[in-house]
């Protein structure tokens, strides 16, 4: 069953909105890393900003490919791009894959060992258990 054009338009509008939000987040983080002023300590973002500022090179290595990923990944679903500009489509796919790998690797390095480490450990432990032990 083919979706209605209105549904497709709504999905693309939501996707565009999410890309804009992601771009704004990357822009805010990059501007904060290079700005001389810091956020007031009373704001809840101050501790988060300080943590990213300590590792600014790693943060930039994470967010710049993230911007490429969120901007180019939706283009992989554009039929006319696939049909009419196959070379461009292949290159954007390569950039999306490489940027995704960079994002994943830097995210693992950025992990400070809090709850996400415990969740990841449980997940991989479950993968190695026999299915009969899953409860």
C-alpha atoms as a PDB file:
ATOM      1  CA  UNK A   1       0.000   0.000   0.000  1.00  0.00           C
ATOM      2  CA  UNK A   2       1.441   3.341  -1.050  1.00  0.00           C
ATOM      3  CA  UNK A   3       1.253   6.151   1.542  1.00  0.00           C
ATOM      4  CA  UNK A   4      -0.757   9.256   0.741  1.00  0.00           C
ATOM      5  CA  UNK A   5       1.129  12.377  -0.397  1.00  0.00           C
ATOM      6  CA  UNK A   6      -0.055  14.286   2.679  1.00  0.00           C
ATOM      7  CA  UNK A   7       1.481  11.661   4.958  1.00  0.00           C
ATOM      8  CA  UNK A   8       4.753  11.807   3.072  1.00  0.00           C
ATOM      9  CA  UNK A   9       4.775  15.620   3.323  1.00  0.00           C
ATOM     10  CA  UNK A  10       4.186  15.467   7.078  1.00  0.00           C
ATOM     11  CA  UNK A  11       7.003  12.956   7.534  1.00  0.00           C
ATOM     12  CA  UNK A  12       9.401  15.157   5.540  1.00  0.00           C
ATOM     13  CA  UNK A  13       8.368  18.248   7.524  1.00  0.00           C
ATOM     14  CA  UNK A  14       9.038  16.428  10.792  1.00  0.00           C
ATOM     15  CA  UNK A  15      12.370  15.228   9.426  1.00  0.00           C
ATOM     16  CA  UNK A  16      13.303  18.755   8.381  1.00  0.00           C
ATOM     17  CA  UNK A  17      12.329  20.067  11.817  1.00  0.00           C
ATOM     18  CA  UNK A  18      14.528  17.454  13.498  1.00  0.00           C
ATOM     19  CA  UNK A  19      17.449  18.296  11.195  1.00  0.00           C
ATOM     20  CA  UNK A  20      17.083  21.991  12.092  1.00  0.00           C
ATOM     21  CA  UNK A  21      16.975  21.165  15.813  1.00  0.00           C
ATOM     22  CA  UNK A  22      20.084  19.001  15.463  1.00  0.00           C
ATOM     23  CA  UNK A  23      21.859  21.719  13.510  1.00  0.00           C
ATOM     24  CA  UNK A  24      20.964  24.254  16.188  1.00  0.00           C
ATOM     25  CA  UNK A  25      22.318  21.943  18.894  1.00  0.00           C
ATOM     26  CA  UNK A  26      25.597  21.494  17.015  1.00  0.00           C
ATOM     27  CA  UNK A  27      25.856  25.244  16.405  1.00  0.00           C
ATOM     28  CA  UNK A  28      25.185  26.047  20.045  1.00  0.00           C
ATOM     29  CA  UNK A  29      27.758  23.543  21.258  1.00  0.00           C
ATOM     30  CA  UNK A  30      30.406  24.727  18.784  1.00  0.00           C
ATOM     31  CA  UNK A  31      29.807  28.385  19.639  1.00  0.00           C
ATOM     32  CA  UNK A  32      30.020  27.611  23.332  1.00  0.00           C
ATOM     33  CA  UNK A  33      33.297  25.745  22.909  1.00  0.00           C
ATOM     34  CA  UNK A  34      34.897  28.670  21.123  1.00  0.00           C
ATOM     35  CA  UNK A  35      33.275  31.514  23.107  1.00  0.00           C
ATOM     36  CA  UNK A  36      35.276  33.220  25.818  1.00  0.00           C
ATOM     37  CA  UNK A  37      32.314  33.548  28.182  1.00  0.00           C
ATOM     38  CA  UNK A  38      30.847  30.630  30.060  1.00  0.00           C
ATOM     39  CA  UNK A  39      27.302  29.882  31.148  1.00  0.00           C
ATOM     40  CA  UNK A  40      26.349  31.017  34.666  1.00  0.00           C
ATOM     41  CA  UNK A  41      26.892  28.274  37.224  1.00  0.00           C
ATOM     42  CA  UNK A  42      23.237  28.524  38.271  1.00  0.00           C
ATOM     43  CA  UNK A  43      22.082  27.070  34.946  1.00  0.00           C
ATOM     44  CA  UNK A  44      21.764  23.280  34.763  1.00  0.00           C
ATOM     45  CA  UNK A  45      23.696  23.295  31.457  1.00  0.00           C
ATOM     46  CA  UNK A  46      26.809  24.738  33.139  1.00  0.00           C
ATOM     47  CA  UNK A  47      28.107  21.371  34.358  1.00  0.00           C
ATOM     48  CA  UNK A  48      27.446  19.765  30.991  1.00  0.00           C
ATOM     49  CA  UNK A  49      29.137  22.629  29.159  1.00  0.00           C
ATOM     50  CA  UNK A  50      32.163  22.400  31.435  1.00  0.00           C
ATOM     51  CA  UNK A  51      32.502  18.695  30.722  1.00  0.00           C
ATOM     52  CA  UNK A  52      32.423  19.253  26.975  1.00  0.00           C
ATOM     53  CA  UNK A  53      34.824  22.191  27.252  1.00  0.00           C
ATOM     54  CA  UNK A  54      37.431  19.964  28.941  1.00  0.00           C
ATOM     55  CA  UNK A  55      37.507  17.780  25.833  1.00  0.00           C
ATOM     56  CA  UNK A  56      36.809  20.321  23.104  1.00  0.00           C
ATOM     57  CA  UNK A  57      38.709  18.506  20.328  1.00  0.00           C
ATOM     58  CA  UNK A  58      36.870  15.260  21.045  1.00  0.00           C
ATOM     59  CA  UNK A  59      33.561  17.116  21.237  1.00  0.00           C
ATOM     60  CA  UNK A  60      34.146  18.792  17.869  1.00  0.00           C
ATOM     61  CA  UNK A  61      35.209  15.449  16.385  1.00  0.00           C
ATOM     62  CA  UNK A  62      31.859  14.111  17.572  1.00  0.00           C
ATOM     63  CA  UNK A  63      29.493  16.945  16.627  1.00  0.00           C
ATOM     64  CA  UNK A  64      30.801  17.940  13.170  1.00  0.00           C
ATOM     65  CA  UNK A  65      30.291  14.422  11.738  1.00  0.00           C
ATOM     66  CA  UNK A  66      26.987  14.424  13.641  1.00  0.00           C
ATOM     67  CA  UNK A  67      25.902  17.494  11.708  1.00  0.00           C
ATOM     68  CA  UNK A  68      26.888  15.827   8.430  1.00  0.00           C
ATOM     69  CA  UNK A  69      25.009  12.696   9.446  1.00  0.00           C
ATOM     70  CA  UNK A  70      21.751  14.417  10.361  1.00  0.00           C
ATOM     71  CA  UNK A  71      21.878  16.642   7.285  1.00  0.00           C
ATOM     72  CA  UNK A  72      22.730  13.927   4.741  1.00  0.00           C
ATOM     73  CA  UNK A  73      21.044  10.780   6.081  1.00  0.00           C
ATOM     74  CA  UNK A  74      17.508  11.862   5.088  1.00  0.00           C
ATOM     75  CA  UNK A  75      18.738  12.373   1.509  1.00  0.00           C
ATOM     76  CA  UNK A  76      19.224   8.620   1.246  1.00  0.00           C
ATOM     77  CA  UNK A  77      15.430   8.294   1.085  1.00  0.00           C
ATOM     78  CA  UNK A  78      14.895  10.760  -1.774  1.00  0.00           C
ATOM     79  CA  UNK A  79      13.898   8.720  -4.828  1.00  0.00           C
ATOM     80  CA  UNK A  80      14.721  11.417  -7.372  1.00  0.00           C
ATOM     81  CA  UNK A  81      18.227  11.786  -5.970  1.00  0.00           C
ATOM     82  CA  UNK A  82      18.765   8.041  -6.288  1.00  0.00           C
ATOM     83  CA  UNK A  83      17.399   7.974  -9.834  1.00  0.00           C
ATOM     84  CA  UNK A  84      18.801  11.148 -11.352  1.00  0.00           C
ATOM     85  CA  UNK A  85      21.991  11.757  -9.381  1.00  0.00           C
ATOM     86  CA  UNK A  86      23.274   8.299  -8.555  1.00  0.00           C
ATOM     87  CA  UNK A  87      26.876   9.444  -8.093  1.00  0.00           C
ATOM     88  CA  UNK A  88      25.848  12.124  -5.597  1.00  0.00           C
ATOM     89  CA  UNK A  89      23.640   9.614  -3.816  1.00  0.00           C
ATOM     90  CA  UNK A  90      26.552   7.168  -3.480  1.00  0.00           C
ATOM     91  CA  UNK A  91      28.877   9.876  -2.134  1.00  0.00           C
ATOM     92  CA  UNK A  92      26.355  11.078   0.429  1.00  0.00           C
ATOM     93  CA  UNK A  93      25.874   7.461   1.510  1.00  0.00           C
ATOM     94  CA  UNK A  94      29.639   7.104   2.015  1.00  0.00           C
ATOM     95  CA  UNK A  95      29.789  10.317   4.028  1.00  0.00           C
ATOM     96  CA  UNK A  96      26.851   9.162   6.166  1.00  0.00           C
ATOM     97  CA  UNK A  97      28.488   5.787   6.859  1.00  0.00           C
ATOM     98  CA  UNK A  98      31.903   7.252   7.710  1.00  0.00           C
ATOM     99  CA  UNK A  99      30.418  10.008   9.857  1.00  0.00           C
ATOM    100  CA  UNK A 100      28.287   7.438  11.682  1.00  0.00           C
ATOM    101  CA  UNK A 101      31.381   5.388  12.431  1.00  0.00           C
ATOM    102  CA  UNK A 102      33.193   8.475  13.729  1.00  0.00           C
ATOM    103  CA  UNK A 103      30.190   9.423  15.865  1.00  0.00           C
ATOM    104  CA  UNK A 104      30.039   5.922  17.344  1.00  0.00           C
ATOM    105  CA  UNK A 105      33.746   5.729  18.103  1.00  0.00           C
ATOM    106  CA  UNK A 106      33.871   9.166  19.695  1.00  0.00           C
ATOM    107  CA  UNK A 107      30.732   8.396  21.705  1.00  0.00           C
ATOM    108  CA  UNK A 108      32.439   5.337  23.164  1.00  0.00           C
ATOM    109  CA  UNK A 109      35.472   7.443  24.095  1.00  0.00           C
ATOM    110  CA  UNK A 110      33.270  10.198  25.546  1.00  0.00           C
ATOM    111  CA  UNK A 111      31.407   7.720  27.752  1.00  0.00           C
ATOM    112  CA  UNK A 112      32.412   8.455  31.323  1.00  0.00           C
ATOM    113  CA  UNK A 113      31.313   5.115  32.742  1.00  0.00           C
ATOM    114  CA  UNK A 114      28.004   6.100  34.309  1.00  0.00           C
ATOM    115  CA  UNK A 115      24.729   4.272  33.746  1.00  0.00           C
ATOM    116  CA  UNK A 116      25.250   3.890  30.006  1.00  0.00           C
ATOM    117  CA  UNK A 117      28.248   1.656  30.703  1.00  0.00           C
ATOM    118  CA  UNK A 118      26.114  -0.601  32.925  1.00  0.00           C
ATOM    119  CA  UNK A 119      23.334  -0.783  30.342  1.00  0.00           C
ATOM    120  CA  UNK A 120      25.802  -1.621  27.559  1.00  0.00           C
ATOM    121  CA  UNK A 121      27.417  -4.311  29.729  1.00  0.00           C
ATOM    122  CA  UNK A 122      24.031  -5.934  30.437  1.00  0.00           C
ATOM    123  CA  UNK A 123      23.115  -5.797  26.754  1.00  0.00           C
ATOM    124  CA  UNK A 124      26.283  -7.550  25.595  1.00  0.00           C
ATOM    125  CA  UNK A 125      26.067 -10.057  28.435  1.00  0.00           C
ATOM    126  CA  UNK A 126      22.552 -10.958  27.265  1.00  0.00           C
ATOM    127  CA  UNK A 127      23.809 -11.434  23.716  1.00  0.00           C
ATOM    128  CA  UNK A 128      26.199 -14.141  24.858  1.00  0.00           C
ATOM    129  CA  UNK A 129      23.712 -16.036  27.039  1.00  0.00           C
ATOM    130  CA  UNK A 130      21.589 -18.838  25.617  1.00  0.00           C
ATOM    131  CA  UNK A 131      18.042 -17.737  24.798  1.00  0.00           C
ATOM    132  CA  UNK A 132      16.640 -20.131  27.414  1.00  0.00           C
ATOM    133  CA  UNK A 133      18.249 -18.002  30.183  1.00  0.00           C
ATOM    134  CA  UNK A 134      16.548 -14.751  29.109  1.00  0.00           C
ATOM    135  CA  UNK A 135      13.978 -13.762  31.685  1.00  0.00           C
END
